[in-house]
Amino acid sequence: MSDEPEADEQDTMRDEYDFTGGVRGKHASLVAGGTNLVLLDPDVAEMFHDSASVNEALRMLVKLARQQTERAAT
């Protein structure tokens, strides 16, 4: 058996990458604190070019859904 690493285990780190001052998990608390990433399918992304337009559309959808629920309850 060879001591050579397999192709997917070989070190591919470039010499110009320097993580000497890096901190593991530096931004983990931001993500855990409520940041959500949602990946849009390409056809949907064509319609929404930024977070503000997605949020506006979702708020409108929630408002319409609540109105429908209120009508059904009366």
Foldseek 3Di string as FASTA:
>chain_A
DDPDDDPVPDDPDDPPDDCPVPDPCPCVCVVVVDDDDDDDDPVVCVVPVDPVVVVVVVVVVVVVVVVVVVVVVD
